[in-house]
Amino acid sequence: MFVNIIEAYRNVVAIADDELVGRQFYEGKKQLDIKESFYKGESAESLSKEEVIGIILDMTREDATFNIVGEKSIACAIEAGIITKEGVLTIDGIPYGMVLL
């Protein structure tokens, strides 16, 4: 999984499954564009489940927004307690969620 923390007034934490980065998905009028520049960033490296959950938990202490895409990434967010299964949406079978703390 890739995690990119974009520092701004409110930190944006972008989390995506490795295999989805750089792809686009469509369902009717909805589009999910998993841009490498947003989800991977310049210096991002693939992280383990434990590392991703640790980052999520650390960032919940900050004023952060989370953009999460993919089954593994969503599972980490659910395990970390920042999103529920009911809060997960899908486009073309790809789960995603957005969280504003």
PDB file of N, CA and C in Angstrom:
ATOM      1  N   MET A   1       0.841  -1.177   0.000  1.00  0.00           N
ATOM      2  CA  MET A   1       0.000   0.000   0.000  1.00  0.00           C
ATOM      3  C   MET A   1       0.882   1.235   0.000  1.00  0.00           C
ATOM      4  N   PHE A   2       0.361   2.277  -0.629  1.00  0.00           N
ATOM      5  CA  PHE A   2       1.051   3.558  -0.635  1.00  0.00           C
ATOM      6  C   PHE A   2       0.331   4.529   0.285  1.00  0.00           C
ATOM      7  N   VAL A   3       1.107   5.329   0.994  1.00  0.00           N
ATOM      8  CA  VAL A   3       0.569   6.394   1.836  1.00  0.00           C
ATOM      9  C   VAL A   3       1.310   7.671   1.472  1.00  0.00           C
ATOM     10  N   ASN A   4       0.550   8.700   1.148  1.00  0.00           N
ATOM     11  CA  ASN A   4       1.136  10.003   0.848  1.00  0.00           C
ATOM     12  C   ASN A   4       0.480  11.015   1.773  1.00  0.00           C
ATOM     13  N   ILE A   5       1.291  11.692   2.582  1.00  0.00           N
ATOM     14  CA  ILE A   5       0.779  12.722   3.478  1.00  0.00           C
ATOM     15  C   ILE A   5       1.092  14.076   2.846  1.00  0.00           C
ATOM     16  N   ILE A   6       0.043  14.790   2.513  1.00  0.00           N
ATOM     17  CA  ILE A   6       0.168  16.097   1.893  1.00  0.00           C
ATOM     18  C   ILE A   6      -0.074  17.128   2.981  1.00  0.00           C
ATOM     19  N   GLU A   7       0.981  17.858   3.318  1.00  0.00           N
ATOM     20  CA  GLU A   7       0.888  18.833   4.402  1.00  0.00           C
ATOM     21  C   GLU A   7       0.308  20.130   3.886  1.00  0.00           C
ATOM     22  N   ALA A   8      -0.755  20.570   4.539  1.00  0.00           N
ATOM     23  CA  ALA A   8      -1.432  21.815   4.204  1.00  0.00           C
ATOM     24  C   ALA A   8      -2.092  22.310   5.486  1.00  0.00           C
ATOM     25  N   TYR A   9      -2.999  23.272   5.364  1.00  0.00           N
ATOM     26  CA  TYR A   9      -3.749  23.736   6.529  1.00  0.00           C
ATOM     27  C   TYR A   9      -4.330  22.542   7.280  1.00  0.00           C
ATOM     28  N   ARG A  10      -4.898  21.629   6.525  1.00  0.00           N
ATOM     29  CA  ARG A  10      -5.394  20.357   7.064  1.00  0.00           C
ATOM     30  C   ARG A  10      -4.656  19.267   6.301  1.00  0.00           C
ATOM     31  N   ASN A  11      -3.906  18.438   7.008  1.00  0.00           N
ATOM     32  CA  ASN A  11      -3.159  17.374   6.340  1.00  0.00           C
ATOM     33  C   ASN A  11      -4.115  16.450   5.588  1.00  0.00           C
ATOM     34  N   VAL A  12      -3.693  16.045   4.407  1.00  0.00           N
ATOM     35  CA  VAL A  12      -4.456  15.099   3.602  1.00  0.00           C
ATOM     36  C   VAL A  12      -3.642  13.810   3.547  1.00  0.00           C
ATOM     37  N   VAL A  13      -4.254  12.714   3.963  1.00  0.00           N
ATOM     38  CA  VAL A  13      -3.592  11.415   3.967  1.00  0.00           C
ATOM     39  C   VAL A  13      -4.231  10.575   2.869  1.00  0.00           C
ATOM     40  N   ALA A  14      -3.454  10.291   1.832  1.00  0.00           N
ATOM     41  CA  ALA A  14      -3.933   9.503   0.694  1.00  0.00           C
ATOM     42  C   ALA A  14      -3.372   8.086   0.818  1.00  0.00           C
ATOM     43  N   ILE A  15      -4.259   7.096   0.826  1.00  0.00           N
ATOM     44  CA  ILE A  15      -3.861   5.696   1.007  1.00  0.00           C
ATOM     45  C   ILE A  15      -4.485   4.873  -0.111  1.00  0.00           C
ATOM     46  N   ALA A  16      -3.659   4.075  -0.808  1.00  0.00           N
ATOM     47  CA  ALA A  16      -4.188   3.262  -1.907  1.00  0.00           C
ATOM     48  C   ALA A  16      -3.429   1.946  -2.025  1.00  0.00           C
ATOM     49  N   ASP A  17      -4.142   0.916  -2.447  1.00  0.00           N
ATOM     50  CA  ASP A  17      -3.514  -0.364  -2.749  1.00  0.00           C
ATOM     51  C   ASP A  17      -2.557  -0.175  -3.920  1.00  0.00           C
ATOM     52  N   ASP A  18      -1.386  -0.799  -3.832  1.00  0.00           N
ATOM     53  CA  ASP A  18      -0.336  -0.655  -4.847  1.00  0.00           C
ATOM     54  C   ASP A  18      -0.851  -0.835  -6.274  1.00  0.00           C
ATOM     55  N   GLU A  19      -1.613  -1.910  -6.494  1.00  0.00           N
ATOM     56  CA  GLU A  19      -2.010  -2.290  -7.851  1.00  0.00           C
ATOM     57  C   GLU A  19      -3.044  -1.350  -8.469  1.00  0.00           C
ATOM     58  N   LEU A  20      -3.614  -0.444  -7.677  1.00  0.00           N
ATOM     59  CA  LEU A  20      -4.633   0.473  -8.199  1.00  0.00           C
ATOM     60  C   LEU A  20      -4.065   1.819  -8.619  1.00  0.00           C
ATOM     61  N   VAL A  21      -2.892   2.159  -8.111  1.00  0.00           N
ATOM     62  CA  VAL A  21      -2.311   3.473  -8.385  1.00  0.00           C
ATOM     63  C   VAL A  21      -2.037   3.630  -9.884  1.00  0.00           C
ATOM     64  N   GLY A  22      -2.488   4.753 -10.415  1.00  0.00           N
ATOM     65  CA  GLY A  22      -2.323   5.033 -11.833  1.00  0.00           C
ATOM     66  C   GLY A  22      -3.487   4.579 -12.695  1.00  0.00           C
ATOM     67  N   ARG A  23      -4.506   4.015 -12.080  1.00  0.00           N
ATOM     68  CA  ARG A  23      -5.645   3.494 -12.850  1.00  0.00           C
ATOM     69  C   ARG A  23      -6.882   4.361 -12.658  1.00  0.00           C
ATOM     70  N   GLN A  24      -7.833   4.212 -13.556  1.00  0.00           N
ATOM     71  CA  GLN A  24      -9.117   4.895 -13.483  1.00  0.00           C
ATOM     72  C   GLN A  24     -10.230   3.863 -13.568  1.00  0.00           C
ATOM     73  N   PHE A  25     -11.308   4.139 -12.845  1.00  0.00           N
ATOM     74  CA  PHE A  25     -12.469   3.254 -12.843  1.00  0.00           C
ATOM     75  C   PHE A  25     -13.719   4.104 -13.059  1.00  0.00           C
ATOM     76  N   TYR A  26     -14.683   3.540 -13.781  1.00  0.00           N
ATOM     77  CA  TYR A  26     -15.909   4.251 -14.118  1.00  0.00           C
ATOM     78  C   TYR A  26     -17.112   3.380 -13.792  1.00  0.00           C
ATOM     79  N   GLU A  27     -18.178   4.058 -13.374  1.00  0.00           N
ATOM     80  CA  GLU A  27     -19.464   3.389 -13.148  1.00  0.00           C
ATOM     81  C   GLU A  27     -20.548   4.434 -13.383  1.00  0.00           C
ATOM     82  N   GLY A  28     -21.196   4.325 -14.512  1.00  0.00           N
ATOM     83  CA  GLY A  28     -22.178   5.352 -14.882  1.00  0.00           C
ATOM     84  C   GLY A  28     -21.493   6.699 -15.004  1.00  0.00           C
ATOM     85  N   LYS A  29     -21.986   7.683 -14.262  1.00  0.00           N
ATOM     86  CA  LYS A  29     -21.392   9.025 -14.288  1.00  0.00           C
ATOM     87  C   LYS A  29     -20.276   9.194 -13.253  1.00  0.00           C
ATOM     88  N   LYS A  30     -20.043   8.188 -12.448  1.00  0.00           N
ATOM     89  CA  LYS A  30     -19.018   8.282 -11.401  1.00  0.00           C
ATOM     90  C   LYS A  30     -17.657   7.832 -11.931  1.00  0.00           C
ATOM     91  N   GLN A  31     -16.612   8.500 -11.451  1.00  0.00           N
ATOM     92  CA  GLN A  31     -15.243   8.176 -11.854  1.00  0.00           C
ATOM     93  C   GLN A  31     -14.354   8.144 -10.624  1.00  0.00           C
ATOM     94  N   LEU A  32     -13.454   7.185 -10.589  1.00  0.00           N
ATOM     95  CA  LEU A  32     -12.457   7.071  -9.530  1.00  0.00           C
ATOM     96  C   LEU A  32     -11.091   7.100 -10.217  1.00  0.00           C
ATOM     97  N   ASP A  33     -10.360   8.194 -10.026  1.00  0.00           N
ATOM     98  CA  ASP A  33      -9.071   8.403 -10.680  1.00  0.00           C
ATOM     99  C   ASP A  33      -7.990   8.334  -9.609  1.00  0.00           C
ATOM    100  N   ILE A  34      -7.236   7.258  -9.599  1.00  0.00           N
ATOM    101  CA  ILE A  34      -6.236   7.014  -8.550  1.00  0.00           C
ATOM    102  C   ILE A  34      -4.879   7.483  -9.074  1.00  0.00           C
ATOM    103  N   LYS A  35      -4.692   8.779  -9.033  1.00  0.00           N
ATOM    104  CA  LYS A  35      -3.505   9.399  -9.617  1.00  0.00           C
ATOM    105  C   LYS A  35      -2.252   9.094  -8.800  1.00  0.00           C
ATOM    106  N   GLU A  36      -1.211   8.736  -9.517  1.00  0.00           N
ATOM    107  CA  GLU A  36       0.073   8.446  -8.882  1.00  0.00           C
ATOM    108  C   GLU A  36       0.589   9.658  -8.121  1.00  0.00           C
ATOM    109  N   SER A  37       0.436  10.840  -8.685  1.00  0.00           N
ATOM    110  CA  SER A  37       0.946  12.054  -8.042  1.00  0.00           C
ATOM    111  C   SER A  37       0.265  12.330  -6.708  1.00  0.00           C
ATOM    112  N   PHE A  38      -0.984  11.888  -6.539  1.00  0.00           N
ATOM    113  CA  PHE A  38      -1.720  12.117  -5.300  1.00  0.00           C
ATOM    114  C   PHE A  38      -1.516  10.975  -4.303  1.00  0.00           C
ATOM    115  N   TYR A  39      -1.677   9.749  -4.745  1.00  0.00           N
ATOM    116  CA  TYR A  39      -1.634   8.610  -3.820  1.00  0.00           C
ATOM    117  C   TYR A  39      -0.229   8.096  -3.546  1.00  0.00           C
ATOM    118  N   LYS A  40       0.657   8.245  -4.507  1.00  0.00           N
ATOM    119  CA  LYS A  40       2.016   7.744  -4.318  1.00  0.00           C
ATOM    120  C   LYS A  40       2.965   8.872  -3.934  1.00  0.00           C
ATOM    121  N   GLY A  41       2.797  10.019  -4.544  1.00  0.00           N
ATOM    122  CA  GLY A  41       3.662  11.144  -4.253  1.00  0.00           C
ATOM    123  C   GLY A  41       5.058  10.926  -4.817  1.00  0.00           C
ATOM    124  N   GLU A  42       5.962  11.803  -4.451  1.00  0.00           N
ATOM    125  CA  GLU A  42       7.315  11.731  -4.989  1.00  0.00           C
ATOM    126  C   GLU A  42       8.198  10.706  -4.293  1.00  0.00           C
ATOM    127  N   SER A  43       8.020  10.560  -2.988  1.00  0.00           N
ATOM    128  CA  SER A  43       8.945   9.696  -2.250  1.00  0.00           C
ATOM    129  C   SER A  43       8.244   8.530  -1.554  1.00  0.00           C
ATOM    130  N   ALA A  44       7.033   8.249  -1.962  1.00  0.00           N
ATOM    131  CA  ALA A  44       6.275   7.187  -1.303  1.00  0.00           C
ATOM    132  C   ALA A  44       6.853   5.821  -1.634  1.00  0.00           C
ATOM    133  N   GLU A  45       6.764   4.935  -0.670  1.00  0.00           N
ATOM    134  CA  GLU A  45       7.166   3.549  -0.884  1.00  0.00           C
ATOM    135  C   GLU A  45       6.054   2.657  -0.370  1.00  0.00           C
ATOM    136  N   SER A  46       5.999   1.450  -0.876  1.00  0.00           N
ATOM    137  CA  SER A  46       4.962   0.516  -0.470  1.00  0.00           C
ATOM    138  C   SER A  46       5.170   0.127   0.992  1.00  0.00           C
ATOM    139  N   LEU A  47       4.080   0.153   1.767  1.00  0.00           N
ATOM    140  CA  LEU A  47       4.149  -0.115   3.200  1.00  0.00           C
ATOM    141  C   LEU A  47       3.323  -1.340   3.572  1.00  0.00           C
ATOM    142  N   SER A  48       3.650  -1.927   4.707  1.00  0.00           N
ATOM    143  CA  SER A  48       2.925  -3.092   5.225  1.00  0.00           C
ATOM    144  C   SER A  48       1.629  -2.648   5.905  1.00  0.00           C
ATOM    145  N   LYS A  49       0.772  -3.601   6.164  1.00  0.00           N
ATOM    146  CA  LYS A  49      -0.487  -3.341   6.860  1.00  0.00           C
ATOM    147  C   LYS A  49      -0.229  -2.680   8.209  1.00  0.00           C
ATOM    148  N   GLU A  50       0.727  -3.183   8.948  1.00  0.00           N
ATOM    149  CA  GLU A  50       1.032  -2.647  10.276  1.00  0.00           C
ATOM    150  C   GLU A  50       1.528  -1.213  10.186  1.00  0.00           C
ATOM    151  N   GLU A  51       2.359  -0.921   9.184  1.00  0.00           N
ATOM    152  CA  GLU A  51       2.866   0.440   9.009  1.00  0.00           C
ATOM    153  C   GLU A  51       1.740   1.403   8.649  1.00  0.00           C
ATOM    154  N   VAL A  52       0.839   0.968   7.779  1.00  0.00           N
ATOM    155  CA  VAL A  52      -0.276   1.811   7.363  1.00  0.00           C
ATOM    156  C   VAL A  52      -1.191   2.102   8.547  1.00  0.00           C
ATOM    157  N   ILE A  53      -1.531   1.090   9.320  1.00  0.00           N
ATOM    158  CA  ILE A  53      -2.385   1.295  10.487  1.00  0.00           C
ATOM    159  C   ILE A  53      -1.709   2.248  11.469  1.00  0.00           C
ATOM    160  N   GLY A  54      -0.406   2.113  11.665  1.00  0.00           N
ATOM    161  CA  GLY A  54       0.331   3.014  12.554  1.00  0.00           C
ATOM    162  C   GLY A  54       0.253   4.456  12.090  1.00  0.00           C
ATOM    163  N   ILE A  55       0.397   4.674  10.777  1.00  0.00           N
ATOM    164  CA  ILE A  55       0.299   6.028  10.226  1.00  0.00           C
ATOM    165  C   ILE A  55      -1.109   6.577  10.409  1.00  0.00           C
ATOM    166  N   ILE A  56      -2.106   5.744  10.148  1.00  0.00           N
ATOM    167  CA  ILE A  56      -3.496   6.186  10.322  1.00  0.00           C
ATOM    168  C   ILE A  56      -3.723   6.622  11.764  1.00  0.00           C
ATOM    169  N   LEU A  57      -3.300   5.801  12.701  1.00  0.00           N
ATOM    170  CA  LEU A  57      -3.501   6.131  14.113  1.00  0.00           C
ATOM    171  C   LEU A  57      -2.761   7.407  14.494  1.00  0.00           C
ATOM    172  N   ASP A  58      -1.546   7.581  14.004  1.00  0.00           N
ATOM    173  CA  ASP A  58      -0.792   8.816  14.270  1.00  0.00           C
ATOM    174  C   ASP A  58      -1.514  10.029  13.697  1.00  0.00           C
ATOM    175  N   MET A  59      -2.017   9.906  12.483  1.00  0.00           N
ATOM    176  CA  MET A  59      -2.644  11.040  11.814  1.00  0.00           C
ATOM    177  C   MET A  59      -4.026  11.372  12.372  1.00  0.00           C
ATOM    178  N   THR A  60      -4.647  10.437  13.103  1.00  0.00           N
ATOM    179  CA  THR A  60      -5.940  10.753  13.727  1.00  0.00           C
ATOM    180  C   THR A  60      -5.751  11.774  14.844  1.00  0.00           C
ATOM    181  N   ARG A  61      -4.534  11.915  15.334  1.00  0.00           N
ATOM    182  CA  ARG A  61      -4.242  12.913  16.372  1.00  0.00           C
ATOM    183  C   ARG A  61      -4.065  14.305  15.763  1.00  0.00           C
ATOM    184  N   GLU A  62      -3.960  14.356  14.458  1.00  0.00           N
ATOM    185  CA  GLU A  62      -3.804  15.618  13.728  1.00  0.00           C
ATOM    186  C   GLU A  62      -5.158  16.022  13.156  1.00  0.00           C
ATOM    187  N   ASP A  63      -5.206  17.193  12.597  1.00  0.00           N
ATOM    188  CA  ASP A  63      -6.400  17.664  11.907  1.00  0.00           C
ATOM    189  C   ASP A  63      -6.281  17.183  10.469  1.00  0.00           C
ATOM    190  N   ALA A  64      -6.700  15.946  10.193  1.00  0.00           N
ATOM    191  CA  ALA A  64      -6.415  15.310   8.909  1.00  0.00           C
ATOM    192  C   ALA A  64      -7.687  14.898   8.178  1.00  0.00           C
ATOM    193  N   THR A  65      -7.539  14.811   6.865  1.00  0.00           N
ATOM    194  CA  THR A  65      -8.549  14.251   5.974  1.00  0.00           C
ATOM    195  C   THR A  65      -7.942  13.011   5.342  1.00  0.00           C
ATOM    196  N   PHE A  66      -8.718  11.945   5.219  1.00  0.00           N
ATOM    197  CA  PHE A  66      -8.216  10.696   4.646  1.00  0.00           C
ATOM    198  C   PHE A  66      -8.958  10.377   3.353  1.00  0.00           C
ATOM    199  N   ASN A  67      -8.204  10.015   2.322  1.00  0.00           N
ATOM    200  CA  ASN A  67      -8.743   9.496   1.066  1.00  0.00           C
ATOM    201  C   ASN A  67      -8.176   8.090   0.922  1.00  0.00           C
ATOM    202  N   ILE A  68      -9.038   7.086   0.922  1.00  0.00           N
ATOM    203  CA  ILE A  68      -8.605   5.689   1.001  1.00  0.00           C
ATOM    204  C   ILE A  68      -9.224   4.901  -0.147  1.00  0.00           C
ATOM    205  N   VAL A  69      -8.385   4.141  -0.876  1.00  0.00           N
ATOM    206  CA  VAL A  69      -8.876   3.388  -2.029  1.00  0.00           C
ATOM    207  C   VAL A  69      -8.281   1.983  -2.037  1.00  0.00           C
ATOM    208  N   GLY A  70      -9.143   0.980  -2.230  1.00  0.00           N
ATOM    209  CA  GLY A  70      -8.702  -0.403  -2.373  1.00  0.00           C
ATOM    210  C   GLY A  70      -9.055  -1.260  -1.177  1.00  0.00           C
ATOM    211  N   GLU A  71      -9.192  -2.535  -1.422  1.00  0.00           N
ATOM    212  CA  GLU A  71      -9.620  -3.467  -0.372  1.00  0.00           C
ATOM    213  C   GLU A  71      -8.676  -3.500   0.816  1.00  0.00           C
ATOM    214  N   LYS A  72      -7.364  -3.595   0.556  1.00  0.00           N
ATOM    215  CA  LYS A  72      -6.396  -3.677   1.662  1.00  0.00           C
ATOM    216  C   LYS A  72      -6.339  -2.363   2.441  1.00  0.00           C
ATOM    217  N   SER A  73      -6.361  -1.260   1.730  1.00  0.00           N
ATOM    218  CA  SER A  73      -6.303   0.045   2.384  1.00  0.00           C
ATOM    219  C   SER A  73      -7.552   0.299   3.220  1.00  0.00           C
ATOM    220  N   ILE A  74      -8.716  -0.029   2.672  1.00  0.00           N
ATOM    221  CA  ILE A  74      -9.973   0.126   3.412  1.00  0.00           C
ATOM    222  C   ILE A  74      -9.966  -0.771   4.646  1.00  0.00           C
ATOM    223  N   ALA A  75      -9.468  -2.003   4.516  1.00  0.00           N
ATOM    224  CA  ALA A  75      -9.399  -2.916   5.673  1.00  0.00           C
ATOM    225  C   ALA A  75      -8.543  -2.314   6.781  1.00  0.00           C
ATOM    226  N   CYS A  76      -7.449  -1.666   6.424  1.00  0.00           N
ATOM    227  CA  CYS A  76      -6.596  -1.005   7.423  1.00  0.00           C
ATOM    228  C   CYS A  76      -7.354   0.130   8.111  1.00  0.00           C
ATOM    229  N   ALA A  77      -8.077   0.918   7.343  1.00  0.00           N
ATOM    230  CA  ALA A  77      -8.839   2.032   7.906  1.00  0.00           C
ATOM    231  C   ALA A  77      -9.938   1.538   8.838  1.00  0.00           C
ATOM    232  N   ILE A  78     -10.586   0.442   8.475  1.00  0.00           N
ATOM    233  CA  ILE A  78     -11.615  -0.148   9.338  1.00  0.00           C
ATOM    234  C   ILE A  78     -10.969  -0.660  10.617  1.00  0.00           C
ATOM    235  N   GLU A  79      -9.854  -1.370  10.493  1.00  0.00           N
ATOM    236  CA  GLU A  79      -9.161  -1.898  11.676  1.00  0.00           C
ATOM    237  C   GLU A  79      -8.681  -0.765  12.583  1.00  0.00           C
ATOM    238  N   ALA A  80      -8.257   0.347  12.000  1.00  0.00           N
ATOM    239  CA  ALA A  80      -7.802   1.495  12.789  1.00  0.00           C
ATOM    240  C   ALA A  80      -8.973   2.266  13.398  1.00  0.00           C
ATOM    241  N   GLY A  81     -10.189   1.982  12.928  1.00  0.00           N
ATOM    242  CA  GLY A  81     -11.381   2.586  13.514  1.00  0.00           C
ATOM    243  C   GLY A  81     -11.760   3.950  12.965  1.00  0.00           C
ATOM    244  N   ILE A  82     -11.234   4.339  11.792  1.00  0.00           N
ATOM    245  CA  ILE A  82     -11.597   5.657  11.264  1.00  0.00           C
ATOM    246  C   ILE A  82     -12.749   5.602  10.271  1.00  0.00           C
ATOM    247  N   ILE A  83     -13.130   4.405   9.863  1.00  0.00           N
ATOM    248  CA  ILE A  83     -14.260   4.245   8.942  1.00  0.00           C
ATOM    249  C   ILE A  83     -14.956   2.928   9.276  1.00  0.00           C
ATOM    250  N   THR A  84     -16.244   2.870   8.986  1.00  0.00           N
ATOM    251  CA  THR A  84     -16.993   1.627   9.185  1.00  0.00           C
ATOM    252  C   THR A  84     -17.287   1.007   7.824  1.00  0.00           C
ATOM    253  N   LYS A  85     -17.678  -0.244   7.836  1.00  0.00           N
ATOM    254  CA  LYS A  85     -18.043  -0.914   6.580  1.00  0.00           C
ATOM    255  C   LYS A  85     -19.175  -0.168   5.883  1.00  0.00           C
ATOM    256  N   GLU A  86     -20.079   0.404   6.665  1.00  0.00           N
ATOM    257  CA  GLU A  86     -21.209   1.137   6.095  1.00  0.00           C
ATOM    258  C   GLU A  86     -20.766   2.442   5.432  1.00  0.00           C
ATOM    259  N   GLY A  87     -19.604   2.945   5.796  1.00  0.00           N
ATOM    260  CA  GLY A  87     -19.089   4.185   5.230  1.00  0.00           C
ATOM    261  C   GLY A  87     -18.284   3.998   3.960  1.00  0.00           C
ATOM    262  N   VAL A  88     -18.164   2.746   3.508  1.00  0.00           N
ATOM    263  CA  VAL A  88     -17.372   2.441   2.316  1.00  0.00           C
ATOM    264  C   VAL A  88     -18.274   2.438   1.083  1.00  0.00           C
ATOM    265  N   LEU A  89     -17.842   3.147   0.052  1.00  0.00           N
ATOM    266  CA  LEU A  89     -18.555   3.179  -1.220  1.00  0.00           C
ATOM    267  C   LEU A  89     -17.750   2.400  -2.252  1.00  0.00           C
ATOM    268  N   THR A  90     -18.343   2.134  -3.410  1.00  0.00           N
ATOM    269  CA  THR A  90     -17.604   1.447  -4.475  1.00  0.00           C
ATOM    270  C   THR A  90     -17.897   2.105  -5.820  1.00  0.00           C
ATOM    271  N   ILE A  91     -16.911   2.052  -6.673  1.00  0.00           N
ATOM    272  CA  ILE A  91     -17.059   2.410  -8.083  1.00  0.00           C
ATOM    273  C   ILE A  91     -16.427   1.278  -8.874  1.00  0.00           C
ATOM    274  N   ASP A  92     -17.212   0.661  -9.732  1.00  0.00           N
ATOM    275  CA  ASP A  92     -16.733  -0.476 -10.542  1.00  0.00           C
ATOM    276  C   ASP A  92     -16.121  -1.562  -9.657  1.00  0.00           C
ATOM    277  N   GLY A  93     -16.698  -1.772  -8.485  1.00  0.00           N
ATOM    278  CA  GLY A  93     -16.224  -2.817  -7.571  1.00  0.00           C
ATOM    279  C   GLY A  93     -15.024  -2.425  -6.732  1.00  0.00           C
ATOM    280  N   ILE A  94     -14.497  -1.214  -6.887  1.00  0.00           N
ATOM    281  CA  ILE A  94     -13.332  -0.769  -6.124  1.00  0.00           C
ATOM    282  C   ILE A  94     -13.818   0.010  -4.910  1.00  0.00           C
ATOM    283  N   PRO A  95     -13.515  -0.469  -3.700  1.00  0.00           N
ATOM    284  CA  PRO A  95     -13.971   0.244  -2.498  1.00  0.00           C
ATOM    285  C   PRO A  95     -13.129   1.488  -2.239  1.00  0.00           C
ATOM    286  N   TYR A  96     -13.812   2.526  -1.753  1.00  0.00           N
ATOM    287  CA  TYR A  96     -13.127   3.754  -1.385  1.00  0.00           C
ATOM    288  C   TYR A  96     -13.881   4.445  -0.255  1.00  0.00           C
ATOM    289  N   GLY A  97     -13.183   5.311   0.423  1.00  0.00           N
ATOM    290  CA  GLY A  97     -13.806   6.075   1.495  1.00  0.00           C
ATOM    291  C   GLY A  97     -13.074   7.381   1.717  1.00  0.00           C
ATOM    292  N   MET A  98     -13.802   8.344   2.234  1.00  0.00           N
ATOM    293  CA  MET A  98     -13.222   9.632   2.601  1.00  0.00           C
ATOM    294  C   MET A  98     -13.608   9.919   4.034  1.00  0.00           C
ATOM    295  N   VAL A  99     -12.626  10.377   4.816  1.00  0.00           N
ATOM    296  CA  VAL A  99     -12.860  10.630   6.224  1.00  0.00           C
ATOM    297  C   VAL A  99     -12.316  12.012   6.563  1.00  0.00           C
ATOM    298  N   LEU A 100     -13.134  12.796   7.241  1.00  0.00           N
ATOM    299  CA  LEU A 100     -12.728  14.113   7.715  1.00  0.00           C
ATOM    300  C   LEU A 100     -12.823  14.089   9.231  1.00  0.00           C
ATOM    301  N   LEU A 101     -11.700  14.254   9.894  1.00  0.00           N
ATOM    302  CA  LEU A 101     -11.695  14.234  11.365  1.00  0.00           C
ATOM    303  C   LEU A 101     -11.737  15.627  11.923  1.00  0.00           C
TER     304      LEU A 101
END
